[in-house]
Protein backbone atom coordinates (compact mmCIF):
# COMPACT_ATOMS: atom_id res chain seq x y z
CA MET A 1 -23.84 16.39 4.21
CA ARG A 2 -21.59 18.14 6.69
CA LEU A 3 -22.85 18.95 10.18
CA ARG A 4 -21.16 20.90 12.92
CA LEU A 5 -21.69 19.89 16.50
CA TYR A 6 -22.47 22.92 18.64
CA THR A 7 -22.75 22.14 22.31
CA LYS A 8 -21.93 23.71 25.64
CA TYR A 9 -20.37 20.42 26.79
CA ARG A 10 -16.61 20.03 26.63
CA PRO A 11 -15.27 17.14 24.53
CA LYS A 12 -14.09 14.05 26.40
CA LYS A 13 -10.79 12.31 25.77
CA ASP A 14 -12.19 9.51 23.57
CA TYR A 15 -15.25 11.18 22.10
CA GLN A 16 -16.81 14.59 21.47
CA TYR A 17 -20.29 14.16 22.86
CA SER A 18 -22.82 11.53 23.96
CA CYS A 19 -26.57 11.92 24.30
CA LEU A 20 -29.85 10.03 24.46
CA VAL A 21 -32.39 10.65 21.71
CA VAL A 22 -35.77 9.27 20.71
CA ALA A 23 -35.95 7.89 17.17
CA HIS A 24 -39.19 7.73 15.18
CA VAL A 25 -39.34 5.10 12.44
CA GLY A 26 -42.76 4.64 10.91
CA ASN A 27 -45.17 4.29 13.83
CA ARG A 28 -42.47 3.00 16.22
CA THR A 29 -40.41 5.04 18.65
CA PHE A 30 -37.34 3.89 20.55
CA LYS A 31 -34.46 5.40 22.47
CA LEU A 32 -30.92 5.55 21.12
CA ARG A 33 -27.62 6.53 22.64
CA LEU A 34 -25.52 8.57 20.19
CA VAL A 35 -21.77 8.95 20.57
CA PHE A 36 -19.92 11.52 18.44
CA VAL A 37 -16.34 10.38 17.84
CA SER A 38 -13.94 12.82 16.19
CA ASN A 39 -11.39 11.93 13.54
CA ARG A 40 -7.88 11.94 15.05
CA ALA A 41 -6.45 13.73 12.04
CA ARG A 42 -9.20 16.37 11.72
CA GLN A 43 -11.04 17.48 14.83
CA ASP A 44 -13.93 19.04 12.85
CA ASP A 45 -14.73 15.69 11.21
CA TYR A 46 -16.58 13.11 13.30
CA LEU A 47 -18.47 9.83 13.20
CA VAL A 48 -21.79 9.18 14.93
CA LEU A 49 -22.20 5.79 16.61
CA ALA A 50 -25.68 4.70 17.66
CA THR A 51 -26.93 1.90 19.91
CA THR A 52 -30.15 0.80 21.54
CA GLN A 53 -28.18 -0.55 24.52
CA LEU A 54 -28.70 2.48 26.75
CA SER A 55 -26.80 0.97 29.68
CA LEU A 56 -23.49 1.03 27.77
CA GLN A 57 -21.01 3.80 28.48
CA PRO A 58 -19.64 5.77 25.49
CA GLN A 59 -16.19 4.16 25.84
CA GLU A 60 -17.78 0.69 25.69
CA ILE A 61 -19.75 1.65 22.57
CA ILE A 62 -16.58 2.89 20.89
CA GLN A 63 -14.75 -0.35 21.77
CA LEU A 64 -17.61 -2.52 20.47
CA TYR A 65 -17.80 -0.60 17.19
CA ALA A 66 -13.99 -0.81 16.81
CA ARG A 67 -14.05 -4.60 17.26
CA ARG A 68 -16.97 -4.97 14.90
CA TRP A 69 -15.25 -2.77 12.32
CA GLN A 70 -12.08 -4.90 12.50
CA ILE A 71 -14.12 -8.07 11.93
CA GLU A 72 -16.00 -6.54 8.97
CA ASN A 73 -12.75 -5.22 7.52
CA TYR A 74 -11.12 -8.66 7.86
CA PHE A 75 -13.90 -10.40 5.92
CA LYS A 76 -13.90 -7.71 3.23
CA VAL A 77 -10.14 -8.01 2.68
CA ALA A 78 -10.21 -11.82 2.96
CA LYS A 79 -12.89 -12.09 0.27
CA GLN A 80 -11.82 -9.25 -2.01
CA TYR A 81 -8.04 -9.65 -2.03
CA LEU A 82 -7.16 -13.00 -0.45
CA ARG A 83 -9.82 -15.05 -2.29
CA LEU A 84 -11.39 -16.58 0.80
CA ASP A 85 -14.72 -17.02 -0.99
CA LYS A 86 -13.17 -18.47 -4.19
CA SER A 87 -11.88 -21.65 -2.58
CA GLN A 88 -13.13 -24.93 -4.03
CA ILE A 89 -11.40 -27.17 -1.53
CA GLN A 90 -13.54 -30.17 -0.58
CA SER A 91 -11.69 -31.63 2.39
CA TYR A 92 -12.00 -30.33 5.94
CA ASP A 93 -8.23 -30.29 6.45
CA GLY A 94 -7.76 -28.38 3.21
CA LEU A 95 -10.35 -25.80 4.23
CA CYS A 96 -8.72 -25.38 7.64
CA GLY A 97 -5.33 -24.95 5.99
CA HIS A 98 -6.68 -22.43 3.48
CA LEU A 99 -8.40 -20.45 6.23
CA ALA A 100 -5.23 -20.48 8.36
CA LEU A 101 -3.20 -19.24 5.40
CA VAL A 102 -5.68 -16.43 4.65
CA MET A 103 -5.69 -15.39 8.31
CA THR A 104 -1.89 -15.40 8.42
CA VAL A 105 -1.61 -13.27 5.29
CA TYR A 106 -4.22 -10.86 6.65
CA SER A 107 -2.30 -10.60 9.93
CA LEU A 108 0.88 -9.77 8.01
CA LEU A 109 -0.92 -7.13 5.95
CA ALA A 110 -2.52 -5.59 9.05
CA TRP A 111 0.85 -5.54 10.81
CA GLN A 112 2.43 -3.88 7.76
CA GLU A 113 -0.37 -1.30 7.74
CA ARG A 114 0.27 -0.47 11.39
CA GLN A 115 4.00 -0.06 10.72
CA ASN A 116 3.38 2.61 8.08
CA LYS A 117 2.44 6.13 9.05
CA ASP A 118 0.66 6.93 5.78
CA GLU A 119 -2.98 6.36 4.88
CA ARG A 120 -2.54 3.23 2.74
CA THR A 121 -5.29 0.66 3.10
CA ILE A 122 -4.75 -3.07 3.46
CA GLY A 123 -5.86 -3.46 -0.17
CA ASP A 124 -3.20 -0.97 -1.29
CA LEU A 125 -0.59 -2.85 0.72
CA PHE A 126 -1.73 -6.13 -0.85
CA TYR A 127 -1.11 -4.78 -4.35
CA ILE A 128 2.19 -3.14 -3.37
CA MET A 129 3.49 -6.32 -1.73
CA ASN A 130 2.27 -8.43 -4.65
CA GLU A 131 4.22 -6.25 -7.10
CA ALA A 132 7.34 -6.61 -4.98
CA MET A 133 7.34 -10.38 -5.45
CA PRO A 134 8.31 -11.25 -9.03
CA ASP A 135 6.89 -14.35 -10.65
CA ILE A 136 9.62 -16.88 -11.33
CA GLU A 137 9.34 -19.90 -13.53
CA LEU A 138 9.73 -23.42 -12.28
CA SER A 139 12.95 -23.76 -14.24
CA GLN A 140 14.45 -20.73 -12.47
CA ALA A 141 13.50 -22.18 -9.10
CA LEU A 142 15.04 -25.52 -10.02
CA VAL A 143 18.23 -23.82 -11.22
CA TRP A 144 18.48 -22.08 -7.87
CA LEU A 145 17.86 -25.36 -6.04
CA LEU A 146 20.44 -27.28 -8.03
CA ASN A 147 23.04 -24.52 -7.70
CA SER A 148 22.45 -24.57 -3.95
CA LEU A 149 22.99 -28.33 -3.94
CA LYS A 150 26.24 -27.90 -5.88
CA GLU A 151 27.39 -25.33 -3.35
CA ILE A 152 26.59 -27.71 -0.51
CA ILE A 153 28.59 -30.44 -2.24
CA THR A 154 31.66 -28.23 -2.66
CA HIS A 155 31.59 -26.76 0.86
CA GLU A 156 30.43 -29.71 2.93
CA PHE A 157 33.06 -32.44 3.19
CA TYR A 158 30.91 -34.82 5.19
CA ALA A 159 28.28 -35.01 2.42
CA ARG A 160 28.67 -37.97 0.15
CA LYS A 161 29.45 -36.28 -3.10
CA GLY A 162 28.94 -39.37 -5.25
CA ARG A 163 25.52 -40.10 -3.75
CA ILE A 164 24.27 -36.53 -4.26
CA ILE A 165 25.52 -36.46 -7.87
CA GLN A 166 23.82 -39.81 -8.48
CA MET A 167 20.54 -38.40 -7.09
CA MET A 168 20.85 -35.29 -9.28
CA ASN A 169 21.52 -37.39 -12.40
CA ARG A 170 18.51 -39.57 -11.63
CA PHE A 171 16.44 -36.42 -11.13
CA PHE A 172 17.62 -35.13 -14.54
CA SER A 173 16.68 -38.41 -16.22
CA PHE A 174 13.00 -37.88 -15.38
CA LEU A 175 12.89 -34.30 -16.70
CA PRO A 176 12.00 -33.29 -20.27
CA LYS A 177 15.03 -32.62 -22.50
CA ARG A 178 14.13 -28.91 -22.90
CA LEU A 179 14.09 -28.41 -19.15
CA VAL A 180 17.37 -30.31 -18.72
CA SER A 181 19.02 -28.02 -21.28
CA LEU A 182 17.73 -24.96 -19.39
CA LEU A 183 18.97 -26.31 -16.07
CA THR A 184 22.45 -27.24 -17.23
CA VAL A 185 23.18 -23.86 -18.84
CA LYS A 186 25.13 -21.62 -16.52
């Protein structure tokens, strides 16, 4: 349903209009303060905020709704995309670490959303950023690590070359033969 707001009052900076109304629900009546907030992109599109706290000013109502919306949006994204509700961690420290990681990832996604001028949601950004990170196998990661160690050996004179090679050979001795053959191919 699309409604147009016709009023003789001029729109304010942060909102279009604010008024007190009486709501009737069943046999109960109570007063509400309504605040009509326009969409920044389209002035003819607006949102109606309602509260029973009649002492609040329209700007305060808008701020409270904005904070509440951010909290609701965080929990939606954290559960839907970041698997906050799928955790089966039993220890307190593990739960704290998982929650901190989810909050950090959400902060990065929210920051990325603010950097972009388009209308992508945090969920869209999650999928886009996930596609940008290719899955690599353990063997590829180990090849990279070992090549980095070789580079350190050749460029760093103060490193004890014999000791590092001994550690690498010992490391290779514990690996399966298939993985060793993958790691030694260059």
